[in-house]
Amino acid sequence: MKRPLWILLSVMLVAAFVWGCKNQPQVRVTNQIHSSLNLTLSPTTGSTVTLNGIDSSTTSNYVEIPPGTYVVHVAAQALKNPVALDFTFVNEKKYTILVTVLGDSTATINVQEST
């Protein structure tokens, strides 16, 4: 009688561990402006994530961030003004933040789910 109970508890413990281990969101940046850029992800609570020196026409590696809502800030020498966007990142997803520039040196930020 004790053995089936022990097996059942072991299976439940493993299942709870696997169910609770979700992959955090992963974020990368594609820079389509004519100078390197710095990107800052500022969460409503927690630590800020900074990706500095992303060269023009390149895509950074993915970085994991805690899930939640962030203000995405972009600053670059080629831009008139820094730009910002609020976005919510969720577990089990990968995102590409695409930074492009309009003709008047104003950047646009587009966040897309990656595959």
PDB file of N, CA and C in Angstrom:
ATOM      1  N   MET A   1       0.819  -1.196   0.000  1.00  0.00           N
ATOM      2  CA  MET A   1       0.000   0.000   0.000  1.00  0.00           C
ATOM      3  C   MET A   1       0.867   1.265   0.000  1.00  0.00           C
ATOM      4  N   LYS A   2       2.002   1.225   0.690  1.00  0.00           N
ATOM      5  CA  LYS A   2       2.854   2.403   0.763  1.00  0.00           C
ATOM      6  C   LYS A   2       3.535   2.685  -0.566  1.00  0.00           C
ATOM      7  N   ARG A   3       3.867   1.648  -1.307  1.00  0.00           N
ATOM      8  CA  ARG A   3       4.581   1.836  -2.567  1.00  0.00           C
ATOM      9  C   ARG A   3       3.752   2.621  -3.590  1.00  0.00           C
ATOM     10  N   PRO A   4       2.475   2.284  -3.842  1.00  0.00           N
ATOM     11  CA  PRO A   4       1.691   3.072  -4.805  1.00  0.00           C
ATOM     12  C   PRO A   4       1.550   4.540  -4.385  1.00  0.00           C
ATOM     13  N   LEU A   5       1.422   4.765  -3.086  1.00  0.00           N
ATOM     14  CA  LEU A   5       1.326   6.143  -2.599  1.00  0.00           C
ATOM     15  C   LEU A   5       2.626   6.899  -2.866  1.00  0.00           C
ATOM     16  N   TRP A   6       3.756   6.254  -2.625  1.00  0.00           N
ATOM     17  CA  TRP A   6       5.067   6.861  -2.877  1.00  0.00           C
ATOM     18  C   TRP A   6       5.229   7.191  -4.363  1.00  0.00           C
ATOM     19  N   ILE A   7       4.828   6.288  -5.246  1.00  0.00           N
ATOM     20  CA  ILE A   7       4.918   6.518  -6.693  1.00  0.00           C
ATOM     21  C   ILE A   7       4.013   7.663  -7.099  1.00  0.00           C
ATOM     22  N   LEU A   8       2.789   7.696  -6.580  1.00  0.00           N
ATOM     23  CA  LEU A   8       1.843   8.764  -6.904  1.00  0.00           C
ATOM     24  C   LEU A   8       2.387  10.127  -6.468  1.00  0.00           C
ATOM     25  N   LEU A   9       2.947  10.206  -5.282  1.00  0.00           N
ATOM     26  CA  LEU A   9       3.511  11.472  -4.802  1.00  0.00           C
ATOM     27  C   LEU A   9       4.711  11.897  -5.648  1.00  0.00           C
ATOM     28  N   SER A  10       5.535  10.951  -6.050  1.00  0.00           N
ATOM     29  CA  SER A  10       6.685  11.276  -6.896  1.00  0.00           C
ATOM     30  C   SER A  10       6.243  11.823  -8.245  1.00  0.00           C
ATOM     31  N   VAL A  11       5.255  11.192  -8.845  1.00  0.00           N
ATOM     32  CA  VAL A  11       4.739  11.650 -10.138  1.00  0.00           C
ATOM     33  C   VAL A  11       4.128  13.041  -9.999  1.00  0.00           C
ATOM     34  N   MET A  12       3.397  13.278  -8.927  1.00  0.00           N
ATOM     35  CA  MET A  12       2.790  14.603  -8.713  1.00  0.00           C
ATOM     36  C   MET A  12       3.857  15.671  -8.524  1.00  0.00           C
ATOM     37  N   LEU A  13       4.924  15.352  -7.813  1.00  0.00           N
ATOM     38  CA  LEU A  13       6.002  16.316  -7.592  1.00  0.00           C
ATOM     39  C   LEU A  13       6.694  16.670  -8.909  1.00  0.00           C
ATOM     40  N   VAL A  14       7.000  15.672  -9.715  1.00  0.00           N
ATOM     41  CA  VAL A  14       7.633  15.926 -11.024  1.00  0.00           C
ATOM     42  C   VAL A  14       6.700  16.731 -11.917  1.00  0.00           C
ATOM     43  N   ALA A  15       5.431  16.400 -11.940  1.00  0.00           N
ATOM     44  CA  ALA A  15       4.462  17.129 -12.768  1.00  0.00           C
ATOM     45  C   ALA A  15       4.348  18.586 -12.334  1.00  0.00           C
ATOM     46  N   ALA A  16       4.338  18.826 -11.033  1.00  0.00           N
ATOM     47  CA  ALA A  16       4.260  20.204 -10.526  1.00  0.00           C
ATOM     48  C   ALA A  16       5.499  20.996 -10.915  1.00  0.00           C
ATOM     49  N   PHE A  17       6.664  20.350 -10.858  1.00  0.00           N
ATOM     50  CA  PHE A  17       7.906  21.031 -11.234  1.00  0.00           C
ATOM     51  C   PHE A  17       7.898  21.387 -12.717  1.00  0.00           C
ATOM     52  N   VAL A  18       7.535  20.435 -13.571  1.00  0.00           N
ATOM     53  CA  VAL A  18       7.513  20.677 -15.021  1.00  0.00           C
ATOM     54  C   VAL A  18       6.472  21.730 -15.366  1.00  0.00           C
ATOM     55  N   TRP A  19       5.310  21.674 -14.742  1.00  0.00           N
ATOM     56  CA  TRP A  19       4.245  22.629 -15.030  1.00  0.00           C
ATOM     57  C   TRP A  19       4.661  24.041 -14.608  1.00  0.00           C
ATOM     58  N   GLY A  20       5.410  24.161 -13.520  1.00  0.00           N
ATOM     59  CA  GLY A  20       5.811  25.476 -13.014  1.00  0.00           C
ATOM     60  C   GLY A  20       7.004  26.087 -13.727  1.00  0.00           C
ATOM     61  N   CYS A  21       7.714  25.327 -14.547  1.00  0.00           N
ATOM     62  CA  CYS A  21       8.905  25.827 -15.239  1.00  0.00           C
ATOM     63  C   CYS A  21       8.530  26.322 -16.630  1.00  0.00           C
ATOM     64  N   LYS A  22       8.149  27.559 -16.720  1.00  0.00           N
ATOM     65  CA  LYS A  22       7.830  28.139 -18.017  1.00  0.00           C
ATOM     66  C   LYS A  22       9.009  28.967 -18.494  1.00  0.00           C
ATOM     67  N   ASN A  23       9.208  28.973 -19.799  1.00  0.00           N
ATOM     68  CA  ASN A  23      10.283  29.777 -20.361  1.00  0.00           C
ATOM     69  C   ASN A  23       9.912  31.247 -20.300  1.00  0.00           C
ATOM     70  N   GLN A  24      10.855  32.059 -19.850  1.00  0.00           N
ATOM     71  CA  GLN A  24      10.633  33.498 -19.819  1.00  0.00           C
ATOM     72  C   GLN A  24      10.624  34.048 -21.237  1.00  0.00           C
ATOM     73  N   PRO A  25      10.027  35.223 -21.427  1.00  0.00           N
ATOM     74  CA  PRO A  25      10.062  35.837 -22.757  1.00  0.00           C
ATOM     75  C   PRO A  25      11.503  36.083 -23.190  1.00  0.00           C
ATOM     76  N   GLN A  26      11.734  35.977 -24.492  1.00  0.00           N
ATOM     77  CA  GLN A  26      13.033  36.285 -25.069  1.00  0.00           C
ATOM     78  C   GLN A  26      12.859  37.440 -26.042  1.00  0.00           C
ATOM     79  N   VAL A  27      13.802  38.377 -25.987  1.00  0.00           N
ATOM     80  CA  VAL A  27      13.719  39.598 -26.782  1.00  0.00           C
ATOM     81  C   VAL A  27      15.020  39.801 -27.548  1.00  0.00           C
ATOM     82  N   ARG A  28      14.905  40.233 -28.802  1.00  0.00           N
ATOM     83  CA  ARG A  28      16.078  40.652 -29.571  1.00  0.00           C
ATOM     84  C   ARG A  28      15.715  41.945 -30.288  1.00  0.00           C
ATOM     85  N   VAL A  29      16.729  42.643 -30.797  1.00  0.00           N
ATOM     86  CA  VAL A  29      16.515  43.941 -31.442  1.00  0.00           C
ATOM     87  C   VAL A  29      17.099  43.908 -32.848  1.00  0.00           C
ATOM     88  N   THR A  30      16.319  44.372 -33.819  1.00  0.00           N
ATOM     89  CA  THR A  30      16.806  44.570 -35.173  1.00  0.00           C
ATOM     90  C   THR A  30      16.899  46.069 -35.413  1.00  0.00           C
ATOM     91  N   ASN A  31      18.109  46.531 -35.737  1.00  0.00           N
ATOM     92  CA  ASN A  31      18.371  47.956 -35.934  1.00  0.00           C
ATOM     93  C   ASN A  31      18.384  48.269 -37.426  1.00  0.00           C
ATOM     94  N   GLN A  32      17.384  49.036 -37.873  1.00  0.00           N
ATOM     95  CA  GLN A  32      17.324  49.438 -39.277  1.00  0.00           C
ATOM     96  C   GLN A  32      17.497  50.952 -39.442  1.00  0.00           C
ATOM     97  N   ILE A  33      18.231  51.555 -38.524  1.00  0.00           N
ATOM     98  CA  ILE A  33      18.554  52.975 -38.679  1.00  0.00           C
ATOM     99  C   ILE A  33      20.030  53.087 -39.044  1.00  0.00           C
ATOM    100  N   HIS A  34      20.498  54.290 -39.346  1.00  0.00           N
ATOM    101  CA  HIS A  34      21.842  54.475 -39.896  1.00  0.00           C
ATOM    102  C   HIS A  34      22.918  54.746 -38.858  1.00  0.00           C
ATOM    103  N   SER A  35      22.678  54.387 -37.618  1.00  0.00           N
ATOM    104  CA  SER A  35      23.708  54.488 -36.582  1.00  0.00           C
ATOM    105  C   SER A  35      23.408  53.438 -35.530  1.00  0.00           C
ATOM    106  N   SER A  36      24.373  53.182 -34.660  1.00  0.00           N
ATOM    107  CA  SER A  36      24.116  52.219 -33.596  1.00  0.00           C
ATOM    108  C   SER A  36      23.087  52.797 -32.634  1.00  0.00           C
ATOM    109  N   LEU A  37      22.414  51.923 -31.909  1.00  0.00           N
ATOM    110  CA  LEU A  37      21.380  52.398 -30.990  1.00  0.00           C
ATOM    111  C   LEU A  37      21.531  51.729 -29.642  1.00  0.00           C
ATOM    112  N   ASN A  38      20.917  52.346 -28.659  1.00  0.00           N
ATOM    113  CA  ASN A  38      20.819  51.800 -27.308  1.00  0.00           C
ATOM    114  C   ASN A  38      19.346  51.604 -27.008  1.00  0.00           C
ATOM    115  N   LEU A  39      19.003  50.438 -26.469  1.00  0.00           N
ATOM    116  CA  LEU A  39      17.617  50.133 -26.144  1.00  0.00           C
ATOM    117  C   LEU A  39      17.528  49.788 -24.673  1.00  0.00           C
ATOM    118  N   THR A  40      16.539  50.350 -23.999  1.00  0.00           N
ATOM    119  CA  THR A  40      16.306  50.092 -22.586  1.00  0.00           C
ATOM    120  C   THR A  40      14.895  49.582 -22.406  1.00  0.00           C
ATOM    121  N   LEU A  41      14.768  48.484 -21.659  1.00  0.00           N
ATOM    122  CA  LEU A  41      13.464  47.928 -21.305  1.00  0.00           C
ATOM    123  C   LEU A  41      13.243  48.210 -19.826  1.00  0.00           C
ATOM    124  N   SER A  42      12.304  49.102 -19.529  1.00  0.00           N
ATOM    125  CA  SER A  42      12.043  49.493 -18.141  1.00  0.00           C
ATOM    126  C   SER A  42      10.724  48.884 -17.679  1.00  0.00           C
ATOM    127  N   PRO A  43      10.771  47.911 -16.753  1.00  0.00           N
ATOM    128  CA  PRO A  43       9.531  47.292 -16.278  1.00  0.00           C
ATOM    129  C   PRO A  43       8.824  48.177 -15.266  1.00  0.00           C
ATOM    130  N   THR A  44       7.547  47.882 -15.041  1.00  0.00           N
ATOM    131  CA  THR A  44       6.813  48.632 -14.023  1.00  0.00           C
ATOM    132  C   THR A  44       7.387  48.333 -12.637  1.00  0.00           C
ATOM    133  N   THR A  45       7.880  47.104 -12.435  1.00  0.00           N
ATOM    134  CA  THR A  45       8.600  46.749 -11.209  1.00  0.00           C
ATOM    135  C   THR A  45       9.766  45.855 -11.598  1.00  0.00           C
ATOM    136  N   GLY A  46      10.855  45.963 -10.902  1.00  0.00           N
ATOM    137  CA  GLY A  46      12.000  45.109 -11.187  1.00  0.00           C
ATOM    138  C   GLY A  46      13.138  45.864 -11.848  1.00  0.00           C
ATOM    139  N   SER A  47      14.105  45.098 -12.333  1.00  0.00           N
ATOM    140  CA  SER A  47      15.329  45.673 -12.881  1.00  0.00           C
ATOM    141  C   SER A  47      15.184  46.025 -14.356  1.00  0.00           C
ATOM    142  N   THR A  48      15.832  47.116 -14.729  1.00  0.00           N
ATOM    143  CA  THR A  48      15.866  47.561 -16.118  1.00  0.00           C
ATOM    144  C   THR A  48      16.856  46.705 -16.903  1.00  0.00           C
ATOM    145  N   VAL A  49      16.488  46.400 -18.153  1.00  0.00           N
ATOM    146  CA  VAL A  49      17.358  45.645 -19.064  1.00  0.00           C
ATOM    147  C   VAL A  49      17.838  46.612 -20.126  1.00  0.00           C
ATOM    148  N   THR A  50      19.161  46.653 -20.363  1.00  0.00           N
ATOM    149  CA  THR A  50      19.729  47.573 -21.333  1.00  0.00           C
ATOM    150  C   THR A  50      20.514  46.794 -22.384  1.00  0.00           C
ATOM    151  N   LEU A  51      20.271  47.120 -23.647  1.00  0.00           N
ATOM    152  CA  LEU A  51      21.029  46.558 -24.766  1.00  0.00           C
ATOM    153  C   LEU A  51      21.705  47.735 -25.462  1.00  0.00           C
ATOM    154  N   ASN A  52      23.009  47.851 -25.307  1.00  0.00           N
ATOM    155  CA  ASN A  52      23.748  48.997 -25.841  1.00  0.00           C
ATOM    156  C   ASN A  52      24.553  48.631 -27.074  1.00  0.00           C
ATOM    157  N   GLY A  53      24.750  49.620 -27.942  1.00  0.00           N
ATOM    158  CA  GLY A  53      25.656  49.477 -29.068  1.00  0.00           C
ATOM    159  C   GLY A  53      25.208  48.485 -30.125  1.00  0.00           C
ATOM    160  N   ILE A  54      23.939  48.447 -30.429  1.00  0.00           N
ATOM    161  CA  ILE A  54      23.452  47.560 -31.491  1.00  0.00           C
ATOM    162  C   ILE A  54      23.705  48.271 -32.814  1.00  0.00           C
ATOM    163  N   ASP A  55      24.602  47.719 -33.603  1.00  0.00           N
ATOM    164  CA  ASP A  55      25.025  48.360 -34.844  1.00  0.00           C
ATOM    165  C   ASP A  55      23.915  48.414 -35.883  1.00  0.00           C
ATOM    166  N   SER A  56      24.053  49.371 -36.792  1.00  0.00           N
ATOM    167  CA  SER A  56      23.111  49.525 -37.896  1.00  0.00           C
ATOM    168  C   SER A  56      23.061  48.247 -38.728  1.00  0.00           C
ATOM    169  N   SER A  57      21.870  47.902 -39.186  1.00  0.00           N
ATOM    170  CA  SER A  57      21.636  46.738 -40.059  1.00  0.00           C
ATOM    171  C   SER A  57      22.010  45.412 -39.409  1.00  0.00           C
ATOM    172  N   THR A  58      21.903  45.321 -38.089  1.00  0.00           N
ATOM    173  CA  THR A  58      22.180  44.065 -37.393  1.00  0.00           C
ATOM    174  C   THR A  58      21.015  43.698 -36.476  1.00  0.00           C
ATOM    175  N   THR A  59      21.023  42.443 -36.053  1.00  0.00           N
ATOM    176  CA  THR A  59      20.048  41.945 -35.085  1.00  0.00           C
ATOM    177  C   THR A  59      20.818  41.379 -33.898  1.00  0.00           C
ATOM    178  N   SER A  60      20.436  41.775 -32.709  1.00  0.00           N
ATOM    179  CA  SER A  60      21.108  41.296 -31.500  1.00  0.00           C
ATOM    180  C   SER A  60      20.736  39.848 -31.217  1.00  0.00           C
ATOM    181  N   ASN A  61      21.448  39.250 -30.280  1.00  0.00           N
ATOM    182  CA  ASN A  61      21.076  37.934 -29.778  1.00  0.00           C
ATOM    183  C   ASN A  61      19.850  38.076 -28.880  1.00  0.00           C
ATOM    184  N   TYR A  62      19.145  36.962 -28.672  1.00  0.00           N
ATOM    185  CA  TYR A  62      18.020  36.978 -27.740  1.00  0.00           C
ATOM    186  C   TYR A  62      18.534  37.110 -26.311  1.00  0.00           C
ATOM    187  N   VAL A  63      17.783  37.839 -25.496  1.00  0.00           N
ATOM    188  CA  VAL A  63      18.018  37.892 -24.056  1.00  0.00           C
ATOM    189  C   VAL A  63      16.693  37.558 -23.373  1.00  0.00           C
ATOM    190  N   GLU A  64      16.788  36.858 -22.246  1.00  0.00           N
ATOM    191  CA  GLU A  64      15.587  36.532 -21.480  1.00  0.00           C
ATOM    192  C   GLU A  64      15.284  37.676 -20.529  1.00  0.00           C
ATOM    193  N   ILE A  65      13.987  37.972 -20.409  1.00  0.00           N
ATOM    194  CA  ILE A  65      13.534  38.993 -19.474  1.00  0.00           C
ATOM    195  C   ILE A  65      12.355  38.427 -18.684  1.00  0.00           C
ATOM    196  N   PRO A  66      12.117  38.930 -17.487  1.00  0.00           N
ATOM    197  CA  PRO A  66      10.931  38.496 -16.761  1.00  0.00           C
ATOM    198  C   PRO A  66       9.668  38.956 -17.503  1.00  0.00           C
ATOM    199  N   PRO A  67       8.600  38.178 -17.436  1.00  0.00           N
ATOM    200  CA  PRO A  67       7.370  38.610 -18.095  1.00  0.00           C
ATOM    201  C   PRO A  67       6.821  39.870 -17.440  1.00  0.00           C
ATOM    202  N   GLY A  68       6.104  40.667 -18.213  1.00  0.00           N
ATOM    203  CA  GLY A  68       5.488  41.868 -17.673  1.00  0.00           C
ATOM    204  C   GLY A  68       5.433  42.985 -18.686  1.00  0.00           C
ATOM    205  N   THR A  69       4.947  44.123 -18.232  1.00  0.00           N
ATOM    206  CA  THR A  69       4.830  45.307 -19.080  1.00  0.00           C
ATOM    207  C   THR A  69       6.078  46.157 -18.933  1.00  0.00           C
ATOM    208  N   TYR A  70       6.616  46.574 -20.063  1.00  0.00           N
ATOM    209  CA  TYR A  70       7.841  47.363 -20.103  1.00  0.00           C
ATOM    210  C   TYR A  70       7.623  48.613 -20.945  1.00  0.00           C
ATOM    211  N   VAL A  71       8.385  49.649 -20.627  1.00  0.00           N
ATOM    212  CA  VAL A  71       8.516  50.787 -21.534  1.00  0.00           C
ATOM    213  C   VAL A  71       9.791  50.524 -22.323  1.00  0.00           C
ATOM    214  N   VAL A  72       9.654  50.458 -23.649  1.00  0.00           N
ATOM    215  CA  VAL A  72      10.782  50.216 -24.544  1.00  0.00           C
ATOM    216  C   VAL A  72      11.296  51.582 -24.985  1.00  0.00           C
ATOM    217  N   HIS A  73      12.525  51.946 -24.583  1.00  0.00           N
ATOM    218  CA  HIS A  73      13.141  53.236 -24.937  1.00  0.00           C
ATOM    219  C   HIS A  73      14.235  52.992 -25.973  1.00  0.00           C
ATOM    220  N   VAL A  74      14.254  53.814 -27.007  1.00  0.00           N
ATOM    221  CA  VAL A  74      15.316  53.727 -28.015  1.00  0.00           C
ATOM    222  C   VAL A  74      15.978  55.093 -28.130  1.00  0.00           C
ATOM    223  N   ALA A  75      17.310  55.089 -28.090  1.00  0.00           N
ATOM    224  CA  ALA A  75      18.081  56.322 -28.285  1.00  0.00           C
ATOM    225  C   ALA A  75      19.226  56.015 -29.248  1.00  0.00           C
ATOM    226  N   ALA A  76      19.465  56.962 -30.157  1.00  0.00           N
ATOM    227  CA  ALA A  76      20.571  56.820 -31.106  1.00  0.00           C
ATOM    228  C   ALA A  76      20.983  58.200 -31.577  1.00  0.00           C
ATOM    229  N   GLN A  77      22.226  58.310 -31.995  1.00  0.00           N
ATOM    230  CA  GLN A  77      22.751  59.588 -32.453  1.00  0.00           C
ATOM    231  C   GLN A  77      22.011  60.090 -33.691  1.00  0.00           C
ATOM    232  N   ALA A  78      21.536  59.169 -34.546  1.00  0.00           N
ATOM    233  CA  ALA A  78      20.873  59.560 -35.786  1.00  0.00           C
ATOM    234  C   ALA A  78      19.432  60.034 -35.577  1.00  0.00           C
ATOM    235  N   LEU A  79      18.931  59.951 -34.351  1.00  0.00           N
ATOM    236  CA  LEU A  79      17.542  60.306 -34.092  1.00  0.00           C
ATOM    237  C   LEU A  79      17.432  61.700 -33.484  1.00  0.00           C
ATOM    238  N   LYS A  80      16.399  62.418 -33.906  1.00  0.00           N
ATOM    239  CA  LYS A  80      16.144  63.732 -33.314  1.00  0.00           C
ATOM    240  C   LYS A  80      15.827  63.607 -31.832  1.00  0.00           C
ATOM    241  N   ASN A  81      14.927  62.692 -31.528  1.00  0.00           N
ATOM    242  CA  ASN A  81      14.468  62.505 -30.153  1.00  0.00           C
ATOM    243  C   ASN A  81      14.414  61.016 -29.830  1.00  0.00           C
ATOM    244  N   PRO A  82      14.679  60.656 -28.578  1.00  0.00           N
ATOM    245  CA  PRO A  82      14.472  59.268 -28.176  1.00  0.00           C
ATOM    246  C   PRO A  82      12.986  58.924 -28.313  1.00  0.00           C
ATOM    247  N   VAL A  83      12.683  57.669 -28.557  1.00  0.00           N
ATOM    248  CA  VAL A  83      11.291  57.249 -28.668  1.00  0.00           C
ATOM    249  C   VAL A  83      11.011  56.151 -27.648  1.00  0.00           C
ATOM    250  N   ALA A  84       9.737  55.970 -27.315  1.00  0.00           N
ATOM    251  CA  ALA A  84       9.353  54.968 -26.321  1.00  0.00           C
ATOM    252  C   ALA A  84       8.023  54.337 -26.709  1.00  0.00           C
ATOM    253  N   LEU A  85       7.820  53.131 -26.223  1.00  0.00           N
ATOM    254  CA  LEU A  85       6.609  52.359 -26.489  1.00  0.00           C
ATOM    255  C   LEU A  85       6.360  51.449 -25.296  1.00  0.00           C
ATOM    256  N   ASP A  86       5.106  51.323 -24.859  1.00  0.00           N
ATOM    257  CA  ASP A  86       4.741  50.362 -23.817  1.00  0.00           C
ATOM    258  C   ASP A  86       4.394  49.036 -24.482  1.00  0.00           C
ATOM    259  N   PHE A  87       4.875  47.935 -23.894  1.00  0.00           N
ATOM    260  CA  PHE A  87       4.566  46.626 -24.462  1.00  0.00           C
ATOM    261  C   PHE A  87       4.597  45.584 -23.350  1.00  0.00           C
ATOM    262  N   THR A  88       3.728  44.571 -23.457  1.00  0.00           N
ATOM    263  CA  THR A  88       3.679  43.481 -22.489  1.00  0.00           C
ATOM    264  C   THR A  88       4.274  42.222 -23.105  1.00  0.00           C
ATOM    265  N   PHE A  89       5.277  41.668 -22.446  1.00  0.00           N
ATOM    266  CA  PHE A  89       5.952  40.460 -22.883  1.00  0.00           C
ATOM    267  C   PHE A  89       5.463  39.301 -22.011  1.00  0.00           C
ATOM    268  N   VAL A  90       5.135  38.157 -22.635  1.00  0.00           N
ATOM    269  CA  VAL A  90       4.581  37.026 -21.901  1.00  0.00           C
ATOM    270  C   VAL A  90       5.483  35.795 -22.036  1.00  0.00           C
ATOM    271  N   ASN A  91       5.361  34.890 -21.072  1.00  0.00           N
ATOM    272  CA  ASN A  91       6.143  33.653 -21.076  1.00  0.00           C
ATOM    273  C   ASN A  91       5.908  32.854 -22.347  1.00  0.00           C
ATOM    274  N   GLU A  92       6.908  32.024 -22.667  1.00  0.00           N
ATOM    275  CA  GLU A  92       6.840  31.097 -23.795  1.00  0.00           C
ATOM    276  C   GLU A  92       6.847  31.778 -25.161  1.00  0.00           C
ATOM    277  N   LYS A  93       7.177  33.068 -25.237  1.00  0.00           N
ATOM    278  CA  LYS A  93       7.187  33.794 -26.512  1.00  0.00           C
ATOM    279  C   LYS A  93       8.560  34.392 -26.769  1.00  0.00           C
ATOM    280  N   LYS A  94       8.878  34.541 -28.054  1.00  0.00           N
ATOM    281  CA  LYS A  94      10.074  35.251 -28.493  1.00  0.00           C
ATOM    282  C   LYS A  94       9.613  36.486 -29.252  1.00  0.00           C
ATOM    283  N   TYR A  95      10.329  37.587 -29.054  1.00  0.00           N
ATOM    284  CA  TYR A  95       9.957  38.856 -29.674  1.00  0.00           C
ATOM    285  C   TYR A  95      11.147  39.480 -30.389  1.00  0.00           C
ATOM    286  N   THR A  96      10.845  40.150 -31.496  1.00  0.00           N
ATOM    287  CA  THR A  96      11.828  40.976 -32.184  1.00  0.00           C
ATOM    288  C   THR A  96      11.336  42.412 -32.123  1.00  0.00           C
ATOM    289  N   ILE A  97      12.189  43.294 -31.588  1.00  0.00           N
ATOM    290  CA  ILE A  97      11.878  44.725 -31.556  1.00  0.00           C
ATOM    291  C   ILE A  97      12.557  45.322 -32.778  1.00  0.00           C
ATOM    292  N   LEU A  98      11.764  45.787 -33.719  1.00  0.00           N
ATOM    293  CA  LEU A  98      12.265  46.338 -34.975  1.00  0.00           C
ATOM    294  C   LEU A  98      12.280  47.857 -34.877  1.00  0.00           C
ATOM    295  N   VAL A  99      13.468  48.441 -35.030  1.00  0.00           N
ATOM    296  CA  VAL A  99      13.615  49.898 -34.956  1.00  0.00           C
ATOM    297  C   VAL A  99      13.945  50.413 -36.352  1.00  0.00           C
ATOM    298  N   THR A 100      13.067  51.247 -36.884  1.00  0.00           N
ATOM    299  CA  THR A 100      13.271  51.855 -38.199  1.00  0.00           C
ATOM    300  C   THR A 100      13.210  53.362 -38.049  1.00  0.00           C
ATOM    301  N   VAL A 101      13.609  54.075 -39.086  1.00  0.00           N
ATOM    302  CA  VAL A 101      13.622  55.532 -39.024  1.00  0.00           C
ATOM    303  C   VAL A 101      12.825  56.093 -40.196  1.00  0.00           C
ATOM    304  N   LEU A 102      12.084  57.128 -39.917  1.00  0.00           N
ATOM    305  CA  LEU A 102      11.357  57.842 -40.964  1.00  0.00           C
ATOM    306  C   LEU A 102      12.285  58.871 -41.590  1.00  0.00           C
ATOM    307  N   GLY A 103      11.869  59.473 -42.668  1.00  0.00           N
ATOM    308  CA  GLY A 103      12.710  60.432 -43.383  1.00  0.00           C
ATOM    309  C   GLY A 103      13.167  61.612 -42.558  1.00  0.00           C
ATOM    310  N   ASP A 104      12.416  61.987 -41.536  1.00  0.00           N
ATOM    311  CA  ASP A 104      12.780  63.166 -40.733  1.00  0.00           C
ATOM    312  C   ASP A 104      13.558  62.805 -39.463  1.00  0.00           C
ATOM    313  N   SER A 105      14.240  61.674 -39.459  1.00  0.00           N
ATOM    314  CA  SER A 105      15.055  61.226 -38.323  1.00  0.00           C
ATOM    315  C   SER A 105      14.222  60.915 -37.073  1.00  0.00           C
ATOM    316  N   THR A 106      12.980  60.490 -37.289  1.00  0.00           N
ATOM    317  CA  THR A 106      12.134  60.036 -36.186  1.00  0.00           C
ATOM    318  C   THR A 106      12.049  58.521 -36.263  1.00  0.00           C
ATOM    319  N   ALA A 107      12.315  57.857 -35.156  1.00  0.00           N
ATOM    320  CA  ALA A 107      12.297  56.390 -35.151  1.00  0.00           C
ATOM    321  C   ALA A 107      10.896  55.865 -34.910  1.00  0.00           C
ATOM    322  N   THR A 108      10.658  54.658 -35.406  1.00  0.00           N
ATOM    323  CA  THR A 108       9.455  53.913 -35.077  1.00  0.00           C
ATOM    324  C   THR A 108       9.886  52.588 -34.453  1.00  0.00           C
ATOM    325  N   ILE A 109       9.095  52.116 -33.514  1.00  0.00           N
ATOM    326  CA  ILE A 109       9.366  50.854 -32.840  1.00  0.00           C
ATOM    327  C   ILE A 109       8.203  49.917 -33.132  1.00  0.00           C
ATOM    328  N   ASN A 110       8.524  48.713 -33.570  1.00  0.00           N
ATOM    329  CA  ASN A 110       7.510  47.710 -33.846  1.00  0.00           C
ATOM    330  C   ASN A 110       7.944  46.425 -33.150  1.00  0.00           C
ATOM    331  N   VAL A 111       7.087  45.879 -32.306  1.00  0.00           N
ATOM    332  CA  VAL A 111       7.398  44.638 -31.607  1.00  0.00           C
ATOM    333  C   VAL A 111       6.613  43.518 -32.263  1.00  0.00           C
ATOM    334  N   GLN A 112       7.332  42.471 -32.683  1.00  0.00           N
ATOM    335  CA  GLN A 112       6.714  41.354 -33.375  1.00  0.00           C
ATOM    336  C   GLN A 112       7.058  40.054 -32.677  1.00  0.00           C
ATOM    337  N   GLU A 113       6.118  39.094 -32.704  1.00  0.00           N
ATOM    338  CA  GLU A 113       6.446  37.761 -32.214  1.00  0.00           C
ATOM    339  C   GLU A 113       7.349  37.094 -33.219  1.00  0.00           C
ATOM    340  N   SER A 114       8.413  36.467 -32.753  1.00  0.00           N
ATOM    341  CA  SER A 114       9.346  35.766 -33.615  1.00  0.00           C
ATOM    342  C   SER A 114       8.972  34.292 -33.651  1.00  0.00           C
ATOM    343  N   THR A 115       9.463  33.607 -34.658  1.00  0.00           N
ATOM    344  CA  THR A 115       9.215  32.164 -34.737  1.00  0.00           C
ATOM    345  C   THR A 115      10.477  31.408 -34.438  1.00  0.00           C
TER     346      THR A 115
END
